[in-house]
């Protein structure tokens, strides 16, 4: 799994959606693994940015554990 493969599958950053989707649809197959992480506890007072930051940190820690 390298950066080129990731960019062909994941839509992120400042990518334009339509060209990305077209490249994704041209792939013959995509192998995926679904992994459920621990629930993220949020409150009504939390902003979208705070929730997104908690989500991102959980994903990064799942794939790149510290220590």
PDB file of N, CA and C in Angstrom:
ATOM      1  N   UNK A   1       0.857  -1.175   0.000  1.00  0.00           N
ATOM      2  CA  UNK A   1       0.000   0.000   0.000  1.00  0.00           C
ATOM      3  C   UNK A   1       0.895   1.226   0.000  1.00  0.00           C
ATOM      4  N   UNK A   2       0.879   1.947  -1.092  1.00  0.00           N
ATOM      5  CA  UNK A   2       1.740   3.124  -1.175  1.00  0.00           C
ATOM      6  C   UNK A   2       0.915   4.383  -1.422  1.00  0.00           C
ATOM      7  N   UNK A   3       1.581   5.520  -1.462  1.00  0.00           N
ATOM      8  CA  UNK A   3       0.896   6.800  -1.608  1.00  0.00           C
ATOM      9  C   UNK A   3       0.133   6.889  -2.933  1.00  0.00           C
ATOM     10  N   UNK A   4       0.700   6.346  -3.998  1.00  0.00           N
ATOM     11  CA  UNK A   4       0.030   6.378  -5.295  1.00  0.00           C
ATOM     12  C   UNK A   4      -1.273   5.591  -5.238  1.00  0.00           C
ATOM     13  N   UNK A   5      -1.240   4.411  -4.638  1.00  0.00           N
ATOM     14  CA  UNK A   5      -2.444   3.597  -4.501  1.00  0.00           C
ATOM     15  C   UNK A   5      -3.469   4.322  -3.636  1.00  0.00           C
ATOM     16  N   UNK A   6      -3.031   4.898  -2.548  1.00  0.00           N
ATOM     17  CA  UNK A   6      -3.924   5.633  -1.652  1.00  0.00           C
ATOM     18  C   UNK A   6      -4.609   6.774  -2.397  1.00  0.00           C
ATOM     19  N   UNK A   7      -3.866   7.514  -3.199  1.00  0.00           N
ATOM     20  CA  UNK A   7      -4.434   8.638  -3.941  1.00  0.00           C
ATOM     21  C   UNK A   7      -5.422   8.179  -5.001  1.00  0.00           C
ATOM     22  N   UNK A   8      -5.275   6.972  -5.503  1.00  0.00           N
ATOM     23  CA  UNK A   8      -6.214   6.466  -6.506  1.00  0.00           C
ATOM     24  C   UNK A   8      -7.518   6.021  -5.862  1.00  0.00           C
ATOM     25  N   UNK A   9      -7.498   5.724  -4.569  1.00  0.00           N
ATOM     26  CA  UNK A   9      -8.689   5.218  -3.886  1.00  0.00           C
ATOM     27  C   UNK A   9      -9.328   6.278  -2.995  1.00  0.00           C
ATOM     28  N   UNK A  10      -8.533   6.927  -2.159  1.00  0.00           N
ATOM     29  CA  UNK A  10      -9.071   7.884  -1.181  1.00  0.00           C
ATOM     30  C   UNK A  10      -9.192   9.281  -1.785  1.00  0.00           C
ATOM     31  N   UNK A  11     -10.347   9.892  -1.612  1.00  0.00           N
ATOM     32  CA  UNK A  11     -10.570  11.275  -2.055  1.00  0.00           C
ATOM     33  C   UNK A  11     -10.258  12.166  -0.870  1.00  0.00           C
ATOM     34  N   UNK A  12      -9.241  12.990  -0.991  1.00  0.00           N
ATOM     35  CA  UNK A  12      -8.811  13.808   0.143  1.00  0.00           C
ATOM     36  C   UNK A  12      -8.163  15.091  -0.333  1.00  0.00           C
ATOM     37  N   UNK A  13      -7.929  15.976   0.608  1.00  0.00           N
ATOM     38  CA  UNK A  13      -7.229  17.223   0.310  1.00  0.00           C
ATOM     39  C   UNK A  13      -7.973  18.087  -0.693  1.00  0.00           C
ATOM     40  N   UNK A  14      -7.240  18.618  -1.641  1.00  0.00           N
ATOM     41  CA  UNK A  14      -7.840  19.520  -2.626  1.00  0.00           C
ATOM     42  C   UNK A  14      -8.112  18.824  -3.960  1.00  0.00           C
ATOM     43  N   UNK A  15      -8.292  17.495  -3.922  1.00  0.00           N
ATOM     44  CA  UNK A  15      -8.589  16.746  -5.144  1.00  0.00           C
ATOM     45  C   UNK A  15      -9.941  17.167  -5.704  1.00  0.00           C
ATOM     46  N   UNK A  16     -10.032  17.257  -7.020  1.00  0.00           N
ATOM     47  CA  UNK A  16     -11.316  17.475  -7.670  1.00  0.00           C
ATOM     48  C   UNK A  16     -12.067  16.151  -7.674  1.00  0.00           C
ATOM     49  N   UNK A  17     -13.352  16.206  -7.346  1.00  0.00           N
ATOM     50  CA  UNK A  17     -14.099  14.966  -7.162  1.00  0.00           C
ATOM     51  C   UNK A  17     -14.299  14.186  -8.463  1.00  0.00           C
ATOM     52  N   UNK A  18     -14.781  14.835  -9.511  1.00  0.00           N
ATOM     53  CA  UNK A  18     -15.123  14.108 -10.741  1.00  0.00           C
ATOM     54  C   UNK A  18     -13.921  13.368 -11.347  1.00  0.00           C
ATOM     55  N   UNK A  19     -12.753  14.018 -11.534  1.00  0.00           N
ATOM     56  CA  UNK A  19     -11.607  13.277 -12.079  1.00  0.00           C
ATOM     57  C   UNK A  19     -11.164  12.129 -11.157  1.00  0.00           C
ATOM     58  N   UNK A  20     -11.231  12.370  -9.844  1.00  0.00           N
ATOM     59  CA  UNK A  20     -10.862  11.308  -8.908  1.00  0.00           C
ATOM     60  C   UNK A  20     -11.813  10.125  -9.048  1.00  0.00           C
ATOM     61  N   UNK A  21     -13.122  10.401  -9.078  1.00  0.00           N
ATOM     62  CA  UNK A  21     -14.101   9.331  -9.198  1.00  0.00           C
ATOM     63  C   UNK A  21     -13.885   8.551 -10.491  1.00  0.00           C
ATOM     64  N   UNK A  22     -13.602   9.230 -11.586  1.00  0.00           N
ATOM     65  CA  UNK A  22     -13.370   8.561 -12.868  1.00  0.00           C
ATOM     66  C   UNK A  22     -12.169   7.611 -12.762  1.00  0.00           C
ATOM     67  N   UNK A  23     -11.078   8.065 -12.146  1.00  0.00           N
ATOM     68  CA  UNK A  23      -9.898   7.207 -11.985  1.00  0.00           C
ATOM     69  C   UNK A  23     -10.217   6.002 -11.093  1.00  0.00           C
ATOM     70  N   UNK A  24     -11.001   6.220 -10.044  1.00  0.00           N
ATOM     71  CA  UNK A  24     -11.381   5.131  -9.150  1.00  0.00           C
ATOM     72  C   UNK A  24     -12.230   4.093  -9.887  1.00  0.00           C
ATOM     73  N   UNK A  25     -13.172   4.563 -10.698  1.00  0.00           N
ATOM     74  CA  UNK A  25     -14.048   3.644 -11.422  1.00  0.00           C
ATOM     75  C   UNK A  25     -13.310   2.846 -12.495  1.00  0.00           C
ATOM     76  N   UNK A  26     -12.164   3.340 -12.949  1.00  0.00           N
ATOM     77  CA  UNK A  26     -11.386   2.624 -13.956  1.00  0.00           C
ATOM     78  C   UNK A  26     -10.566   1.475 -13.358  1.00  0.00           C
ATOM     79  N   UNK A  27     -10.428   1.432 -12.041  1.00  0.00           N
ATOM     80  CA  UNK A  27      -9.697   0.332 -11.415  1.00  0.00           C
ATOM     81  C   UNK A  27     -10.460  -0.978 -11.624  1.00  0.00           C
ATOM     82  N   UNK A  28      -9.741  -2.036 -11.906  1.00  0.00           N
ATOM     83  CA  UNK A  28     -10.382  -3.337 -12.132  1.00  0.00           C
ATOM     84  C   UNK A  28     -10.915  -3.927 -10.831  1.00  0.00           C
ATOM     85  N   UNK A  29     -10.217  -3.668  -9.724  1.00  0.00           N
ATOM     86  CA  UNK A  29     -10.677  -4.167  -8.434  1.00  0.00           C
ATOM     87  C   UNK A  29     -10.041  -3.334  -7.324  1.00  0.00           C
ATOM     88  N   UNK A  30     -10.696  -3.334  -6.196  1.00  0.00           N
ATOM     89  CA  UNK A  30     -10.192  -2.673  -5.001  1.00  0.00           C
ATOM     90  C   UNK A  30     -10.409  -3.644  -3.849  1.00  0.00           C
ATOM     91  N   UNK A  31      -9.351  -3.961  -3.148  1.00  0.00           N
ATOM     92  CA  UNK A  31      -9.449  -4.834  -1.986  1.00  0.00           C
ATOM     93  C   UNK A  31      -9.482  -3.940  -0.753  1.00  0.00           C
ATOM     94  N   UNK A  32     -10.466  -4.150   0.096  1.00  0.00           N
ATOM     95  CA  UNK A  32     -10.624  -3.300   1.281  1.00  0.00           C
ATOM     96  C   UNK A  32     -10.760  -4.153   2.531  1.00  0.00           C
ATOM     97  N   UNK A  33     -10.357  -3.579   3.627  1.00  0.00           N
ATOM     98  CA  UNK A  33     -10.527  -4.219   4.934  1.00  0.00           C
ATOM     99  C   UNK A  33     -11.289  -3.235   5.813  1.00  0.00           C
ATOM    100  N   UNK A  34     -12.352  -3.691   6.412  1.00  0.00           N
ATOM    101  CA  UNK A  34     -13.166  -2.860   7.282  1.00  0.00           C
ATOM    102  C   UNK A  34     -12.815  -3.167   8.722  1.00  0.00           C
ATOM    103  N   UNK A  35     -12.494  -2.141   9.459  1.00  0.00           N
ATOM    104  CA  UNK A  35     -12.130  -2.324  10.867  1.00  0.00           C
ATOM    105  C   UNK A  35     -12.906  -1.314  11.699  1.00  0.00           C
ATOM    106  N   UNK A  36     -13.606  -1.807  12.713  1.00  0.00           N
ATOM    107  CA  UNK A  36     -14.360  -0.932  13.600  1.00  0.00           C
ATOM    108  C   UNK A  36     -13.483  -0.536  14.777  1.00  0.00           C
ATOM    109  N   UNK A  37     -13.418   0.756  15.050  1.00  0.00           N
ATOM    110  CA  UNK A  37     -12.644   1.269  16.178  1.00  0.00           C
ATOM    111  C   UNK A  37     -13.579   1.534  17.347  1.00  0.00           C
ATOM    112  N   UNK A  38     -12.978   1.854  18.478  1.00  0.00           N
ATOM    113  CA  UNK A  38     -13.778   2.187  19.654  1.00  0.00           C
ATOM    114  C   UNK A  38     -14.625   3.422  19.353  1.00  0.00           C
ATOM    115  N   UNK A  39     -15.820   3.501  19.923  1.00  0.00           N
ATOM    116  CA  UNK A  39     -16.667   4.674  19.684  1.00  0.00           C
ATOM    117  C   UNK A  39     -15.985   5.961  20.165  1.00  0.00           C
ATOM    118  N   UNK A  40     -16.258   7.025  19.474  1.00  0.00           N
ATOM    119  CA  UNK A  40     -15.757   8.340  19.869  1.00  0.00           C
ATOM    120  C   UNK A  40     -16.895   9.039  20.607  1.00  0.00           C
ATOM    121  N   UNK A  41     -16.634   9.431  21.820  1.00  0.00           N
ATOM    122  CA  UNK A  41     -17.664  10.077  22.630  1.00  0.00           C
ATOM    123  C   UNK A  41     -17.643  11.575  22.363  1.00  0.00           C
ATOM    124  N   UNK A  42     -18.775  12.077  21.921  1.00  0.00           N
ATOM    125  CA  UNK A  42     -18.891  13.497  21.610  1.00  0.00           C
ATOM    126  C   UNK A  42     -20.012  14.110  22.436  1.00  0.00           C
ATOM    127  N   UNK A  43     -19.988  15.417  22.512  1.00  0.00           N
ATOM    128  CA  UNK A  43     -21.036  16.152  23.208  1.00  0.00           C
ATOM    129  C   UNK A  43     -21.668  17.131  22.228  1.00  0.00           C
ATOM    130  N   UNK A  44     -22.879  17.566  22.512  1.00  0.00           N
ATOM    131  CA  UNK A  44     -23.523  18.539  21.626  1.00  0.00           C
ATOM    132  C   UNK A  44     -22.738  19.849  21.507  1.00  0.00           C
ATOM    133  N   UNK A  45     -21.919  20.138  22.485  1.00  0.00           N
ATOM    134  CA  UNK A  45     -21.158  21.390  22.462  1.00  0.00           C
ATOM    135  C   UNK A  45     -19.936  21.327  21.546  1.00  0.00           C
ATOM    136  N   UNK A  46     -19.557  20.132  21.103  1.00  0.00           N
ATOM    137  CA  UNK A  46     -18.358  19.982  20.273  1.00  0.00           C
ATOM    138  C   UNK A  46     -18.623  20.436  18.846  1.00  0.00           C
ATOM    139  N   UNK A  47     -17.624  21.063  18.250  1.00  0.00           N
ATOM    140  CA  UNK A  47     -17.738  21.518  16.863  1.00  0.00           C
ATOM    141  C   UNK A  47     -17.421  20.372  15.906  1.00  0.00           C
ATOM    142  N   UNK A  48     -17.784  20.563  14.629  1.00  0.00           N
ATOM    143  CA  UNK A  48     -17.444  19.567  13.599  1.00  0.00           C
ATOM    144  C   UNK A  48     -15.937  19.368  13.535  1.00  0.00           C
ATOM    145  N   UNK A  49     -15.200  20.469  13.677  1.00  0.00           N
ATOM    146  CA  UNK A  49     -13.736  20.395  13.602  1.00  0.00           C
ATOM    147  C   UNK A  49     -13.165  19.562  14.741  1.00  0.00           C
ATOM    148  N   UNK A  50     -13.706  19.721  15.943  1.00  0.00           N
ATOM    149  CA  UNK A  50     -13.235  18.929  17.087  1.00  0.00           C
ATOM    150  C   UNK A  50     -13.532  17.444  16.882  1.00  0.00           C
ATOM    151  N   UNK A  51     -14.728  17.148  16.391  1.00  0.00           N
ATOM    152  CA  UNK A  51     -15.101  15.755  16.149  1.00  0.00           C
ATOM    153  C   UNK A  51     -14.246  15.162  15.034  1.00  0.00           C
ATOM    154  N   UNK A  52     -14.006  15.931  13.978  1.00  0.00           N
ATOM    155  CA  UNK A  52     -13.152  15.459  12.883  1.00  0.00           C
ATOM    156  C   UNK A  52     -11.740  15.199  13.385  1.00  0.00           C
ATOM    157  N   UNK A  53     -11.231  16.064  14.250  1.00  0.00           N
ATOM    158  CA  UNK A  53      -9.885  15.887  14.799  1.00  0.00           C
ATOM    159  C   UNK A  53      -9.807  14.615  15.644  1.00  0.00           C
ATOM    160  N   UNK A  54     -10.812  14.375  16.477  1.00  0.00           N
ATOM    161  CA  UNK A  54     -10.831  13.137  17.277  1.00  0.00           C
ATOM    162  C   UNK A  54     -10.887  11.908  16.371  1.00  0.00           C
ATOM    163  N   UNK A  55     -11.685  11.985  15.319  1.00  0.00           N
ATOM    164  CA  UNK A  55     -11.805  10.866  14.381  1.00  0.00           C
ATOM    165  C   UNK A  55     -10.481  10.588  13.693  1.00  0.00           C
ATOM    166  N   UNK A  56      -9.855  11.645  13.213  1.00  0.00           N
ATOM    167  CA  UNK A  56      -8.572  11.486  12.526  1.00  0.00           C
ATOM    168  C   UNK A  56      -7.525  10.879  13.452  1.00  0.00           C
ATOM    169  N   UNK A  57      -7.461  11.366  14.680  1.00  0.00           N
ATOM    170  CA  UNK A  57      -6.490  10.838  15.647  1.00  0.00           C
ATOM    171  C   UNK A  57      -6.734   9.356  15.910  1.00  0.00           C
ATOM    172  N   UNK A  58      -7.998   8.948  16.013  1.00  0.00           N
ATOM    173  CA  UNK A  58      -8.310   7.536  16.252  1.00  0.00           C
ATOM    174  C   UNK A  58      -7.847   6.675  15.087  1.00  0.00           C
ATOM    175  N   UNK A  59      -8.063   7.158  13.873  1.00  0.00           N
ATOM    176  CA  UNK A  59      -7.653   6.403  12.684  1.00  0.00           C
ATOM    177  C   UNK A  59      -6.128   6.321  12.597  1.00  0.00           C
ATOM    178  N   UNK A  60      -5.451   7.443  12.801  1.00  0.00           N
ATOM    179  CA  UNK A  60      -3.984   7.450  12.752  1.00  0.00           C
ATOM    180  C   UNK A  60      -3.413   6.512  13.818  1.00  0.00           C
ATOM    181  N   UNK A  61      -3.962   6.556  15.042  1.00  0.00           N
ATOM    182  CA  UNK A  61      -3.466   5.681  16.102  1.00  0.00           C
ATOM    183  C   UNK A  61      -3.718   4.205  15.805  1.00  0.00           C
ATOM    184  N   UNK A  62      -4.800   3.890  15.080  1.00  0.00           N
ATOM    185  CA  UNK A  62      -5.078   2.505  14.722  1.00  0.00           C
ATOM    186  C   UNK A  62      -4.065   1.970  13.710  1.00  0.00           C
ATOM    187  N   UNK A  63      -3.642   2.826  12.782  1.00  0.00           N
ATOM    188  CA  UNK A  63      -2.721   2.384  11.731  1.00  0.00           C
ATOM    189  C   UNK A  63      -1.255   2.612  12.078  1.00  0.00           C
ATOM    190  N   UNK A  64      -0.989   3.581  12.921  1.00  0.00           N
ATOM    191  CA  UNK A  64       0.389   3.911  13.291  1.00  0.00           C
ATOM    192  C   UNK A  64       0.481   4.060  14.807  1.00  0.00           C
ATOM    193  N   UNK A  65       0.332   2.949  15.553  1.00  0.00           N
ATOM    194  CA  UNK A  65       0.361   3.035  17.012  1.00  0.00           C
ATOM    195  C   UNK A  65       1.700   3.570  17.529  1.00  0.00           C
ATOM    196  N   UNK A  66       1.626   4.371  18.554  1.00  0.00           N
ATOM    197  CA  UNK A  66       2.838   4.921  19.165  1.00  0.00           C
ATOM    198  C   UNK A  66       3.428   3.900  20.119  1.00  0.00           C
ATOM    199  N   UNK A  67       4.737   3.741  20.031  1.00  0.00           N
ATOM    200  CA  UNK A  67       5.417   2.872  20.980  1.00  0.00           C
ATOM    201  C   UNK A  67       5.518   1.509  20.489  1.00  0.00           C
TER     202      UNK A  67
END
